[in-house]
Amino acid sequence: MNSEDANSAREASERDLINLNDGFEHYLSASPGDYERVMKSGLVVLDTNAILNLYRYTDEARKELFGVLRSLQDRLWIPNQVATEFWRNRESAVSDLDYFGDELISELEETRHQMERSLRTWANRVALQGGQLNDILDTLDPAFKPVLEKVQEIAGGRSDGKSRNTFEDPVLLELQEVLVRKVGATMDQPEYENAVTEGLRRVEAKIPPGYKDKKKDDGHAAGDYLVWAQTIKEAKFRHCEVLLITGDVKEDWWRKESGEIRGPRLELAKEFYAAVGFRVYMLRPPRFLEMAREILQISVTDETIDDASRVELSSHKLRERIDTAATVLASLRSELLAYVKAETRLPLNVEAIDMADDSPGLIALFHGDSLVYLGSSKSATRRLRQLHRKLSGRINISPDEVSFAIAPLGAEQINDRMLPQTMIMEERPAWNMNGFGNHDPGRLRSFLPLVADHFDMLYPIDLSIIVSRLADSRTVGELVRVMRDEVPYPVESRGTYLRAIEDGEIDFPTLDGTVENSLRVLANALPQDWQITVTVGRVVIEPILREVPHALLVLRGGSLFDY
């Protein structure tokens, strides 16, 4: 070897050379030895789905799973975010017991009806005699009835009231025992806020985990990342590997090859190893029970593993239904908004309202070109008349400045109170957000000052409106009833108070028939301990003397003049 070759060999031996796996640990498949090592010396972390699914297991399967969890001792741990989500969704999980029981009963009853329909069709085709058909049909009830009764008995026992009470819930009581000192602490506020910000950034950028939760509101959309960040933090503190047990099957957690789950997403495995220096493994509950039975030498029957698989499948189907429903509702909201925005707008006047379809519908009001109000009603024209009446009693605006459009709604949509509310929160029409739709603010809140952009502040009630039947009113009660009938804004008085003085006689001075002067006539006929307060949004008549500095008008009993 010449000197040049010797120098090259020496330089190669002095370089930092690496192995094939170094830096590529996230590509490695988990071996049985890996699972044995992490279960016996690492950290086993449960996610929210894995815990909530305990409510859906059979009693025997739940008992064996709790046995596995106890055997892990201090190696078992859950992030604080998992505890938060558990408490948030616990009652919903309990309600699922009713859902699946009711669903099975409905399916069984539909099967019975389908069999009867099929038998009747067959009987008609073969000209079966009525007595023969009845004999066959009579065998259906004895066959189905015991099954239905047994399912109802079991479903009722699984979802009895005990599960709803935290002091009687058998699943919760056992969880509390198993997870003593095994729940991560809360993040401090700055750390939490930074984690939520990062989680939401990942959702928008489609960086795992959690981007499949984009449809959730901001706080919940970051939930998966909070679980992930808190798990990494705990693993760094313990300096160990982690086995994450999750019922989540979404693609933002798992790496799949040809439809087969191969382990955690490569991005997650790489991020974990870079942060902790150890590997992260993931198992779904059925496979975890299989591995635990072999590695921990603990009793887990095949029936329990089958039950875990059943629960995972049914939970996945339920989530798919919920996701589908959410997608359909989002599409419906979008289509309804597009419809009312594109529909020909009609002026908000009596003639146009009378011509409108009185079916259930979504009502949109426009002030100029701006969508200012959304609301739904089983009678669209009745609601439009109410809105027209309200606007006709205001200053600074007129119904002539407003137009409307209606989108038809079916019976199911009109009964869904969340549909218009969700649309309002997404679109945020100005009048929905500033008190326009409020019918009754409450007696005490009637006297509180309002913010400058409140509807009643922008468009106060008009006291110059004419009360045409003022001269026909001879008593206090008659005048109040006339004003309530003719004045297009609330004229309030508690009935128990008013009945005591409603026969008081009206003394008519020489005043015109405006609302303001009608109120003066009324005040003059009231006892001295009564007061009429006119706020920007309503008139209040009551046997209470109070100071209301921001009122438009205050009249005391026995006087025509302002207080």
Protein backbone atom coordinates (compact mmCIF):
# COMPACT_ATOMS: atom_id res chain seq x y z
CA MET A 1 0.00 0.00 0.00
CA ASN A 2 1.49 3.32 -0.99
CA SER A 3 1.43 6.32 1.35
CA GLU A 4 -1.58 7.92 -0.37
CA ASP A 5 -3.73 4.79 0.12
CA ALA A 6 -2.61 4.54 3.75
CA ASN A 7 -3.66 8.14 4.42
CA SER A 8 -7.09 7.54 2.84
CA ALA A 9 -7.66 4.43 4.96
CA ARG A 10 -6.62 6.30 8.12
CA GLU A 11 -8.94 9.21 7.31
CA ALA A 12 -11.89 6.82 6.71
CA SER A 13 -11.33 5.09 10.05
CA GLU A 14 -11.23 8.44 11.84
CA ARG A 15 -14.57 9.66 10.33
CA ASP A 16 -17.84 9.29 12.28
CA LEU A 17 -19.53 6.45 10.46
CA ILE A 18 -23.13 5.41 11.21
CA ASN A 19 -25.19 2.25 10.94
CA LEU A 20 -27.98 1.69 8.45
CA ASN A 21 -30.72 2.30 11.07
CA ASP A 22 -29.22 5.44 12.58
CA GLY A 23 -31.52 8.38 11.92
CA PHE A 24 -34.07 6.09 10.29
CA GLU A 25 -35.55 4.49 13.42
CA HIS A 26 -39.03 5.71 12.46
CA TYR A 27 -39.07 3.26 9.52
CA LEU A 28 -38.48 0.20 11.71
CA SER A 29 -41.36 -2.18 12.36
CA ALA A 30 -42.07 -3.02 15.98
CA SER A 31 -40.98 -6.53 16.91
CA PRO A 32 -42.43 -8.74 19.68
CA GLY A 33 -39.29 -7.92 21.66
CA ASP A 34 -39.98 -4.19 21.29
CA TYR A 35 -43.49 -4.60 22.69
CA GLU A 36 -42.24 -6.74 25.56
CA ARG A 37 -39.58 -4.18 26.45
CA VAL A 38 -41.93 -1.16 26.37
CA MET A 39 -44.68 -2.94 28.35
CA LYS A 40 -42.24 -4.01 31.05
CA SER A 41 -40.01 -0.95 31.29
CA GLY A 42 -41.53 1.88 29.25
CA LEU A 43 -44.62 4.05 29.54
CA VAL A 44 -48.07 2.81 28.44
CA VAL A 45 -50.36 5.72 27.56
CA LEU A 46 -54.11 5.50 27.03
CA ASP A 47 -55.92 7.96 24.79
CA THR A 48 -59.48 9.21 25.31
CA ASN A 49 -61.17 6.69 23.02
CA ALA A 50 -59.51 3.77 24.77
CA ILE A 51 -60.91 4.96 28.12
CA LEU A 52 -64.39 5.94 26.95
CA ASN A 53 -64.82 2.59 25.20
CA LEU A 54 -64.78 0.94 28.62
CA TYR A 55 -68.44 1.96 28.85
CA ARG A 56 -69.19 -0.11 25.76
CA TYR A 57 -67.49 -3.36 26.83
CA THR A 58 -69.29 -6.29 28.37
CA ASP A 59 -68.84 -6.59 32.13
CA GLU A 60 -66.45 -9.53 31.75
CA ALA A 61 -64.34 -7.83 29.08
CA ARG A 62 -64.13 -4.65 31.15
CA LYS A 63 -63.05 -6.67 34.20
CA GLU A 64 -60.21 -8.29 32.27
CA LEU A 65 -59.07 -5.01 30.73
CA PHE A 66 -58.92 -3.40 34.16
CA GLY A 67 -56.83 -6.38 35.24
CA VAL A 68 -54.35 -5.63 32.44
CA LEU A 69 -54.20 -1.96 33.40
CA ARG A 70 -53.55 -2.77 37.05
CA SER A 71 -50.71 -5.10 36.10
CA LEU A 72 -48.90 -2.19 34.44
CA GLN A 73 -48.62 -0.42 37.81
CA ASP A 74 -46.64 2.84 37.55
CA ARG A 75 -45.95 2.28 33.85
CA LEU A 76 -49.57 3.27 33.13
CA TRP A 77 -50.21 6.99 32.51
CA ILE A 78 -52.67 9.35 30.77
CA PRO A 79 -52.07 12.95 29.64
CA ASN A 80 -54.08 15.68 31.35
CA GLN A 81 -55.75 16.40 28.00
CA VAL A 82 -57.11 12.84 27.96
CA ALA A 83 -58.61 13.38 31.42
CA THR A 84 -60.13 16.65 30.18
CA GLU A 85 -61.70 14.96 27.16
CA PHE A 86 -62.90 12.04 29.27
CA TRP A 87 -64.87 14.30 31.59
CA ARG A 88 -66.16 16.33 28.65
CA ASN A 89 -67.47 13.24 26.83
CA ARG A 90 -68.26 10.84 29.66
CA GLU A 91 -72.04 11.39 29.70
CA SER A 92 -72.15 11.10 25.92
CA ALA A 93 -70.43 7.71 26.17
CA VAL A 94 -72.99 6.62 28.75
CA SER A 95 -75.76 7.74 26.38
CA ASP A 96 -74.24 5.60 23.62
CA LEU A 97 -75.42 2.57 25.55
CA ASP A 98 -78.98 3.71 24.96
CA TYR A 99 -78.16 4.54 21.33
CA PHE A 100 -76.79 1.11 20.42
CA GLY A 101 -79.52 -0.72 22.35
CA ASP A 102 -82.24 1.32 20.66
CA GLU A 103 -80.55 0.87 17.28
CA LEU A 104 -80.49 -2.93 17.66
CA ILE A 105 -84.12 -3.02 18.80
CA SER A 106 -85.11 -0.90 15.79
CA GLU A 107 -83.19 -3.21 13.45
CA LEU A 108 -84.85 -6.29 14.95
CA GLU A 109 -88.30 -4.76 14.66
CA GLU A 110 -87.60 -3.73 11.07
CA THR A 111 -86.44 -7.30 10.33
CA ARG A 112 -89.71 -8.63 11.71
CA HIS A 113 -91.74 -6.19 9.59
CA GLN A 114 -89.66 -7.05 6.51
CA MET A 115 -90.32 -10.75 7.04
CA GLU A 116 -94.04 -10.06 7.33
CA ARG A 117 -94.00 -7.97 4.14
CA SER A 118 -92.11 -10.71 2.28
CA LEU A 119 -94.54 -13.39 3.49
CA ARG A 120 -97.56 -11.33 2.39
CA THR A 121 -95.99 -10.74 -1.05
CA TRP A 122 -95.31 -14.48 -1.41
CA ALA A 123 -98.83 -15.34 -0.22
CA ASN A 124 -100.33 -13.10 -2.88
CA ARG A 125 -98.23 -14.63 -5.64
CA VAL A 126 -99.10 -18.23 -4.77
CA ALA A 127 -102.72 -17.42 -3.85
CA LEU A 128 -102.23 -18.68 -0.31
CA GLN A 129 -105.40 -18.85 1.73
CA GLY A 130 -105.84 -16.21 4.44
CA GLY A 131 -105.95 -18.76 7.22
CA GLN A 132 -102.65 -20.32 6.15
CA LEU A 133 -100.94 -16.94 6.01
CA ASN A 134 -102.22 -16.01 9.45
CA ASP A 135 -100.93 -19.30 10.86
CA ILE A 136 -97.46 -18.47 9.54
CA LEU A 137 -97.55 -14.87 10.75
CA ASP A 138 -98.65 -16.03 14.19
CA THR A 139 -95.27 -17.76 14.60
CA LEU A 140 -93.32 -14.53 14.17
CA ASP A 141 -94.29 -12.84 17.44
CA PRO A 142 -93.37 -15.81 19.67
CA ALA A 143 -89.99 -15.95 17.90
CA PHE A 144 -89.16 -12.24 18.10
CA LYS A 145 -90.76 -11.23 21.37
CA PRO A 146 -88.36 -13.08 23.72
CA VAL A 147 -85.36 -11.72 21.79
CA LEU A 148 -86.61 -8.14 21.97
CA GLU A 149 -87.41 -8.44 25.66
CA LYS A 150 -83.97 -9.87 26.42
CA VAL A 151 -82.19 -7.13 24.45
CA GLN A 152 -84.29 -4.47 26.22
CA GLU A 153 -83.46 -6.03 29.58
CA ILE A 154 -79.72 -6.13 28.90
CA ALA A 155 -79.63 -2.66 27.30
CA GLY A 156 -81.59 -1.22 30.20
CA GLY A 157 -79.23 -2.83 32.69
CA ARG A 158 -76.17 -1.51 30.88
CA SER A 159 -77.51 2.06 30.76
CA ASP A 160 -79.28 2.35 34.08
CA GLY A 161 -79.21 5.61 36.02
CA LYS A 162 -76.19 4.57 38.07
CA SER A 163 -73.78 5.29 35.21
CA ARG A 164 -74.98 8.89 35.04
CA ASN A 165 -74.21 9.53 38.72
CA THR A 166 -70.48 9.92 39.33
CA PHE A 167 -70.77 8.44 42.83
CA GLU A 168 -72.43 5.25 41.46
CA ASP A 169 -70.84 4.85 38.02
CA PRO A 170 -68.99 1.49 38.23
CA VAL A 171 -66.67 2.32 35.31
CA LEU A 172 -65.70 5.68 36.75
CA LEU A 173 -65.17 4.34 40.25
CA GLU A 174 -62.78 1.67 38.97
CA LEU A 175 -60.99 4.13 36.68
CA GLN A 176 -60.45 6.48 39.61
CA GLU A 177 -58.80 3.64 41.51
CA VAL A 178 -56.64 2.42 38.61
CA LEU A 179 -55.44 5.94 37.69
CA VAL A 180 -54.41 7.13 41.16
CA ARG A 181 -51.31 9.36 40.59
CA LYS A 182 -51.22 8.31 36.93
CA VAL A 183 -52.70 11.48 35.34
CA GLY A 184 -50.41 14.17 33.98
CA ALA A 185 -50.49 17.61 35.55
CA THR A 186 -52.04 20.57 33.76
CA MET A 187 -49.81 22.76 31.64
CA ASP A 188 -49.19 26.26 32.94
CA GLN A 189 -51.16 28.90 31.02
CA PRO A 190 -48.40 30.21 28.71
CA GLU A 191 -47.31 26.66 27.83
CA TYR A 192 -50.93 25.63 27.22
CA GLU A 193 -51.65 28.64 25.00
CA ASN A 194 -48.48 28.00 22.98
CA ALA A 195 -49.46 24.33 22.56
CA VAL A 196 -52.97 25.24 21.39
CA THR A 197 -51.50 27.73 18.90
CA GLU A 198 -49.13 25.07 17.57
CA GLY A 199 -51.93 22.51 17.41
CA LEU A 200 -54.12 24.84 15.37
CA ARG A 201 -51.17 25.65 13.09
CA ARG A 202 -50.70 21.94 12.45
CA VAL A 203 -54.40 21.50 11.73
CA GLU A 204 -54.26 24.20 9.05
CA ALA A 205 -50.98 22.87 7.62
CA LYS A 206 -52.18 19.22 7.77
CA ILE A 207 -49.28 18.20 10.00
CA PRO A 208 -50.08 15.19 12.24
CA PRO A 209 -51.55 14.61 14.68
CA GLY A 210 -54.99 16.19 14.72
CA TYR A 211 -55.51 17.71 11.29
CA LYS A 212 -58.47 15.39 10.69
CA ASP A 213 -60.22 17.29 13.52
CA LYS A 214 -60.31 20.53 11.52
CA LYS A 215 -64.12 20.54 11.55
CA LYS A 216 -64.12 20.93 15.33
CA ASP A 217 -64.11 24.35 16.95
CA ASP A 218 -60.68 25.86 17.68
CA GLY A 219 -60.31 24.68 21.28
CA HIS A 220 -61.15 21.06 20.50
CA ALA A 221 -59.33 20.91 17.16
CA ALA A 222 -56.01 21.17 19.00
CA GLY A 223 -56.91 18.30 21.35
CA ASP A 224 -54.91 15.56 19.59
CA TYR A 225 -51.78 17.71 19.53
CA LEU A 226 -52.17 18.48 23.25
CA VAL A 227 -52.25 14.72 23.95
CA TRP A 228 -49.16 14.27 21.78
CA ALA A 229 -47.21 17.19 23.29
CA GLN A 230 -47.98 16.14 26.86
CA THR A 231 -46.94 12.55 26.08
CA ILE A 232 -43.60 13.71 24.67
CA LYS A 233 -43.03 15.90 27.73
CA GLU A 234 -43.66 12.97 30.12
CA ALA A 235 -41.46 10.60 28.08
CA LYS A 236 -38.59 13.12 28.16
CA PHE A 237 -38.98 13.42 31.93
CA ARG A 238 -38.94 9.64 32.40
CA HIS A 239 -36.39 9.10 29.61
CA CYS A 240 -38.20 6.07 28.20
CA GLU A 241 -40.06 4.50 25.30
CA VAL A 242 -43.83 4.92 24.97
CA LEU A 243 -46.62 2.58 23.91
CA LEU A 244 -49.73 4.59 22.98
CA ILE A 245 -53.02 2.68 23.14
CA THR A 246 -55.53 4.44 20.93
CA GLY A 247 -58.94 3.72 19.48
CA ASP A 248 -58.41 6.47 16.93
CA VAL A 249 -58.08 5.06 13.43
CA LYS A 250 -57.67 8.29 11.47
CA GLU A 251 -54.84 8.78 9.03
CA ASP A 252 -53.30 11.63 11.04
CA TRP A 253 -52.10 9.04 13.60
CA TRP A 254 -51.38 5.84 11.66
CA ARG A 255 -49.10 4.89 8.79
CA LYS A 256 -50.91 2.59 6.38
CA GLU A 257 -49.47 0.52 3.57
CA SER A 258 -51.89 -1.13 1.11
CA GLY A 259 -54.70 -0.50 3.58
CA GLU A 260 -52.85 -2.22 6.43
CA ILE A 261 -51.81 -0.34 9.57
CA ARG A 262 -48.02 -0.48 9.94
CA GLY A 263 -47.47 1.73 13.00
CA PRO A 264 -47.45 5.42 13.90
CA ARG A 265 -47.13 8.02 11.16
CA LEU A 266 -43.52 8.42 10.12
CA GLU A 267 -43.64 12.12 11.01
CA LEU A 268 -44.78 11.29 14.54
CA ALA A 269 -42.24 8.53 15.06
CA LYS A 270 -39.44 10.79 13.81
CA GLU A 271 -40.57 13.74 15.94
CA PHE A 272 -40.80 11.59 19.07
CA TYR A 273 -37.36 10.03 18.61
CA ALA A 274 -35.77 13.42 17.95
CA ALA A 275 -37.35 14.88 21.10
CA VAL A 276 -36.99 11.94 23.51
CA GLY A 277 -34.21 9.75 22.13
CA PHE A 278 -36.46 6.69 22.30
CA ARG A 279 -39.06 5.14 20.04
CA VAL A 280 -42.83 5.41 20.23
CA TYR A 281 -45.13 2.47 19.50
CA MET A 282 -48.89 2.37 18.95
CA LEU A 283 -51.49 -0.35 19.35
CA ARG A 284 -55.25 -0.46 19.09
CA PRO A 285 -57.04 -1.94 22.14
CA PRO A 286 -57.77 -5.44 20.70
CA ARG A 287 -54.14 -5.98 19.68
CA PHE A 288 -52.94 -4.50 22.98
CA LEU A 289 -54.99 -7.10 24.88
CA GLU A 290 -53.51 -9.89 22.75
CA MET A 291 -49.95 -8.70 23.38
CA ALA A 292 -50.57 -8.09 27.09
CA ARG A 293 -51.87 -11.64 27.51
CA GLU A 294 -48.65 -13.04 26.09
CA ILE A 295 -46.14 -10.60 27.56
CA LEU A 296 -47.61 -9.94 31.01
CA GLN A 297 -48.94 -13.48 31.44
CA ILE A 298 -52.36 -12.23 32.50
CA SER A 299 -55.78 -13.73 31.88
CA VAL A 300 -57.47 -12.29 28.80
CA THR A 301 -60.03 -14.47 27.04
CA ASP A 302 -60.65 -14.57 23.31
CA GLU A 303 -64.16 -13.30 24.07
CA THR A 304 -62.71 -10.14 25.60
CA ILE A 305 -60.52 -9.52 22.56
CA ASP A 306 -63.53 -10.10 20.31
CA ASP A 307 -65.55 -7.65 22.40
CA ALA A 308 -62.82 -5.02 22.12
CA SER A 309 -62.86 -5.49 18.35
CA ARG A 310 -66.65 -5.18 18.29
CA VAL A 311 -66.57 -1.99 20.35
CA GLU A 312 -63.86 -0.48 18.17
CA LEU A 313 -65.82 -1.26 15.02
CA SER A 314 -69.13 0.08 16.37
CA SER A 315 -67.45 3.22 17.73
CA HIS A 316 -65.79 3.77 14.38
CA LYS A 317 -69.14 3.41 12.62
CA LEU A 318 -70.74 5.86 15.05
CA ARG A 319 -67.97 8.40 14.45
CA GLU A 320 -68.39 7.92 10.71
CA ARG A 321 -72.11 8.64 11.07
CA ILE A 322 -71.41 11.73 13.15
CA ASP A 323 -68.80 12.94 10.66
CA THR A 324 -71.17 12.31 7.77
CA ALA A 325 -73.98 14.15 9.55
CA ALA A 326 -71.67 17.08 10.30
CA THR A 327 -70.62 17.21 6.64
CA VAL A 328 -74.24 17.10 5.47
CA LEU A 329 -75.27 19.85 7.90
CA ALA A 330 -72.33 22.02 6.85
CA SER A 331 -73.34 21.57 3.23
CA LEU A 332 -76.97 22.37 4.08
CA ARG A 333 -75.96 25.55 5.89
CA SER A 334 -73.83 26.62 2.95
CA GLU A 335 -76.62 25.92 0.45
CA LEU A 336 -79.23 27.76 2.54
CA LEU A 337 -77.01 30.83 2.83
CA ALA A 338 -76.25 30.75 -0.88
CA TYR A 339 -79.96 30.42 -1.64
CA VAL A 340 -81.14 33.40 0.44
CA LYS A 341 -78.29 35.54 -0.84
CA ALA A 342 -79.08 34.73 -4.48
CA GLU A 343 -82.89 34.69 -4.18
CA THR A 344 -84.86 37.66 -5.49
CA ARG A 345 -85.41 39.98 -2.53
CA LEU A 346 -88.81 41.42 -1.77
CA PRO A 347 -89.46 44.69 0.07
CA LEU A 348 -90.47 44.25 3.70
CA ASN A 349 -93.97 45.62 3.28
CA VAL A 350 -97.44 44.22 3.93
CA GLU A 351 -98.19 43.47 0.28
CA ALA A 352 -95.00 41.45 -0.31
CA ILE A 353 -95.38 39.58 2.97
CA ASP A 354 -98.95 38.59 2.10
CA MET A 355 -97.73 37.16 -1.21
CA ALA A 356 -94.89 35.14 0.39
CA ASP A 357 -95.06 31.39 1.04
CA ASP A 358 -96.22 30.72 4.59
CA SER A 359 -94.37 27.39 4.83
CA PRO A 360 -91.56 26.78 7.34
CA GLY A 361 -88.46 28.60 6.22
CA LEU A 362 -85.19 30.36 6.89
CA ILE A 363 -85.77 34.13 6.83
CA ALA A 364 -83.05 36.57 5.77
CA LEU A 365 -83.33 40.35 6.12
CA PHE A 366 -81.14 42.73 4.14
CA HIS A 367 -80.49 46.40 4.96
CA GLY A 368 -79.35 47.72 1.64
CA ASP A 369 -77.01 45.02 0.33
CA SER A 370 -75.96 43.77 3.76
CA LEU A 371 -77.37 40.60 5.32
CA VAL A 372 -78.41 41.82 8.77
CA TYR A 373 -80.67 39.10 10.18
CA LEU A 374 -81.24 35.32 9.96
CA GLY A 375 -84.02 33.43 11.66
CA SER A 376 -86.25 30.41 11.14
CA SER A 377 -89.97 30.01 11.71
CA LYS A 378 -92.67 27.41 11.15
CA SER A 379 -94.73 30.28 9.70
CA ALA A 380 -92.47 32.50 7.60
CA THR A 381 -95.11 35.17 6.93
CA ARG A 382 -96.13 35.41 10.58
CA ARG A 383 -92.50 36.00 11.56
CA LEU A 384 -92.08 38.56 8.78
CA ARG A 385 -95.11 40.47 10.04
CA GLN A 386 -93.56 40.56 13.50
CA LEU A 387 -90.29 41.88 12.08
CA HIS A 388 -92.12 44.48 9.98
CA ARG A 389 -94.07 45.63 13.03
CA LYS A 390 -90.92 45.95 15.09
CA LEU A 391 -89.10 48.04 12.47
CA SER A 392 -92.13 50.25 11.91
CA GLY A 393 -91.89 51.49 15.50
CA ARG A 394 -88.31 52.75 15.31
CA ILE A 395 -86.59 55.98 14.39
CA ASN A 396 -83.50 56.16 12.13
CA ILE A 397 -84.82 53.21 10.09
CA SER A 398 -87.90 52.20 8.12
CA PRO A 399 -89.19 48.83 6.85
CA ASP A 400 -88.97 50.40 3.38
CA GLU A 401 -85.16 50.24 3.67
CA VAL A 402 -85.26 46.49 4.37
CA SER A 403 -85.84 43.53 2.03
CA PHE A 404 -86.27 39.83 2.69
CA ALA A 405 -85.76 36.39 1.18
CA ILE A 406 -86.99 32.99 2.36
CA ALA A 407 -85.37 29.56 1.95
CA PRO A 408 -87.81 26.65 2.47
CA LEU A 409 -87.08 24.22 5.32
CA GLY A 410 -88.42 20.73 5.93
CA ALA A 411 -90.02 19.63 9.19
CA GLU A 412 -86.77 18.05 10.42
CA GLN A 413 -84.72 21.19 9.75
CA ILE A 414 -87.25 23.61 11.21
CA ASN A 415 -87.22 21.65 14.49
CA ASP A 416 -83.43 21.70 14.64
CA ARG A 417 -82.72 24.80 16.73
CA MET A 418 -78.98 24.41 16.19
CA LEU A 419 -79.23 24.86 12.41
CA PRO A 420 -80.05 28.61 12.40
CA GLN A 421 -77.91 29.22 15.49
CA THR A 422 -74.87 27.68 13.80
CA MET A 423 -75.49 29.70 10.65
CA ILE A 424 -75.78 32.88 12.72
CA MET A 425 -72.48 32.19 14.49
CA GLU A 426 -70.77 31.53 11.14
CA GLU A 427 -72.28 34.49 9.25
CA ARG A 428 -72.68 36.88 12.25
CA PRO A 429 -75.42 39.15 10.78
CA ALA A 430 -75.31 42.56 12.45
CA TRP A 431 -78.83 42.55 13.90
CA ASN A 432 -78.58 38.99 15.24
CA MET A 433 -75.49 40.05 17.15
CA ASN A 434 -76.82 43.29 18.65
CA GLY A 435 -80.12 42.37 20.28
CA PHE A 436 -82.59 42.77 17.40
CA GLY A 437 -84.08 39.31 17.89
CA ASN A 438 -84.49 39.55 21.68
CA HIS A 439 -88.13 39.35 22.69
CA ASP A 440 -87.76 39.90 26.44
CA PRO A 441 -84.55 41.15 28.09
CA GLY A 442 -85.95 40.60 31.59
CA ARG A 443 -87.46 43.15 33.96
CA LEU A 444 -84.20 44.26 35.58
CA ARG A 445 -82.17 44.26 32.36
CA SER A 446 -84.76 46.60 30.83
CA PHE A 447 -83.24 49.41 32.89
CA LEU A 448 -79.55 48.71 32.29
CA PRO A 449 -77.59 50.99 29.91
CA LEU A 450 -76.85 49.42 26.53
CA VAL A 451 -73.70 49.45 24.41
CA ALA A 452 -73.59 52.07 21.67
CA ASP A 453 -74.07 49.62 18.79
CA HIS A 454 -77.04 47.78 20.34
CA PHE A 455 -80.04 47.71 17.99
CA ASP A 456 -82.19 49.70 20.43
CA MET A 457 -79.51 52.38 20.76
CA LEU A 458 -79.09 52.68 16.99
CA TYR A 459 -82.84 52.61 16.36
CA PRO A 460 -84.75 53.79 19.47
CA ILE A 461 -88.53 53.45 19.73
CA ASP A 462 -90.60 56.16 18.11
CA LEU A 463 -92.84 58.06 20.57
CA SER A 464 -94.48 60.11 17.80
CA ILE A 465 -96.54 57.16 16.52
CA ILE A 466 -100.28 57.93 16.68
CA VAL A 467 -102.52 55.93 19.03
CA SER A 468 -105.79 56.14 17.08
CA ARG A 469 -108.08 54.90 19.85
CA LEU A 470 -106.80 57.14 22.64
CA ALA A 471 -110.08 59.03 22.83
CA ASP A 472 -112.07 55.77 23.12
CA SER A 473 -110.18 54.67 26.24
CA ARG A 474 -112.05 55.47 29.45
CA THR A 475 -110.03 53.53 32.04
CA VAL A 476 -106.39 52.76 32.77
CA GLY A 477 -106.88 49.13 31.74
CA GLU A 478 -108.51 50.06 28.43
CA LEU A 479 -105.75 52.51 27.52
CA VAL A 480 -102.98 50.02 28.31
CA ARG A 481 -104.71 47.38 26.18
CA VAL A 482 -105.15 49.85 23.29
CA MET A 483 -101.47 50.82 23.42
CA ARG A 484 -100.35 47.19 23.49
CA ASP A 485 -102.51 46.56 20.43
CA GLU A 486 -101.43 49.61 18.42
CA VAL A 487 -97.85 50.37 19.52
CA PRO A 488 -95.24 48.25 17.66
CA TYR A 489 -92.91 47.77 20.63
CA PRO A 490 -93.37 46.31 24.11
CA VAL A 491 -95.60 48.11 26.60
CA GLU A 492 -94.98 46.11 29.77
CA SER A 493 -96.81 45.94 33.07
CA ARG A 494 -97.10 42.99 35.40
CA GLY A 495 -100.71 41.86 35.34
CA THR A 496 -101.01 41.36 39.09
CA TYR A 497 -100.06 45.00 39.63
CA LEU A 498 -102.18 46.41 36.82
CA ARG A 499 -105.38 44.60 37.81
CA ALA A 500 -105.51 46.54 41.07
CA ILE A 501 -105.81 49.89 39.26
CA GLU A 502 -107.19 49.04 35.81
CA ASP A 503 -110.60 50.55 36.60
CA GLY A 504 -109.09 53.98 37.31
CA GLU A 505 -110.76 56.65 35.17
CA ILE A 506 -108.91 58.53 32.43
CA ASP A 507 -109.01 62.33 32.53
CA PHE A 508 -108.55 63.62 28.95
CA PRO A 509 -106.63 66.85 28.65
CA THR A 510 -106.23 68.58 25.29
CA LEU A 511 -103.44 66.40 23.90
CA ASP A 512 -102.96 64.72 20.55
CA GLY A 513 -102.86 60.95 20.16
CA THR A 514 -99.10 60.30 19.97
CA VAL A 515 -97.57 57.53 22.11
CA GLU A 516 -95.79 60.13 24.20
CA ASN A 517 -98.97 62.06 24.99
CA SER A 518 -100.94 58.84 25.52
CA LEU A 519 -98.38 57.92 28.17
CA ARG A 520 -98.79 61.33 29.79
CA VAL A 521 -102.57 60.81 29.92
CA LEU A 522 -102.00 57.37 31.42
CA ALA A 523 -99.49 58.66 34.00
CA ASN A 524 -101.93 61.33 35.11
CA ALA A 525 -104.46 58.58 35.94
CA LEU A 526 -101.99 56.37 37.84
CA PRO A 527 -101.48 56.40 41.62
CA GLN A 528 -98.57 58.54 42.82
CA ASP A 529 -96.41 55.53 43.67
CA TRP A 530 -96.49 54.34 40.04
CA GLN A 531 -93.99 55.18 37.32
CA ILE A 532 -93.80 54.93 33.53
CA THR A 533 -90.26 54.46 32.20
CA VAL A 534 -89.57 54.74 28.49
CA THR A 535 -86.24 53.15 27.53
CA VAL A 536 -84.75 52.97 24.04
CA GLY A 537 -86.46 49.64 23.46
CA ARG A 538 -89.68 49.45 25.51
CA VAL A 539 -92.20 51.07 27.84
CA VAL A 540 -92.43 49.79 31.42
CA ILE A 541 -95.38 50.61 33.71
CA GLU A 542 -94.90 49.58 37.35
CA PRO A 543 -95.66 50.51 40.99
CA ILE A 544 -91.98 51.22 41.66
CA LEU A 545 -90.30 54.64 41.73
CA ARG A 546 -86.76 54.43 40.42
CA GLU A 547 -84.15 56.67 38.83
CA VAL A 548 -83.22 55.70 35.28
CA PRO A 549 -80.75 58.37 34.07
CA HIS A 550 -80.46 57.00 30.52
CA ALA A 551 -84.26 56.69 29.98
CA LEU A 552 -85.91 58.58 27.10
CA LEU A 553 -88.81 59.58 29.34
CA VAL A 554 -89.86 59.04 32.97
CA LEU A 555 -93.39 59.91 34.15
CA ARG A 556 -94.65 59.59 37.73
CA GLY A 557 -98.26 58.84 38.70
CA GLY A 558 -100.62 61.82 39.02
CA SER A 559 -98.60 64.04 36.67
CA LEU A 560 -98.55 64.95 33.01
CA PHE A 561 -94.97 66.07 33.17
CA ASP A 562 -91.52 64.44 33.09
CA TYR A 563 -89.88 63.41 36.29
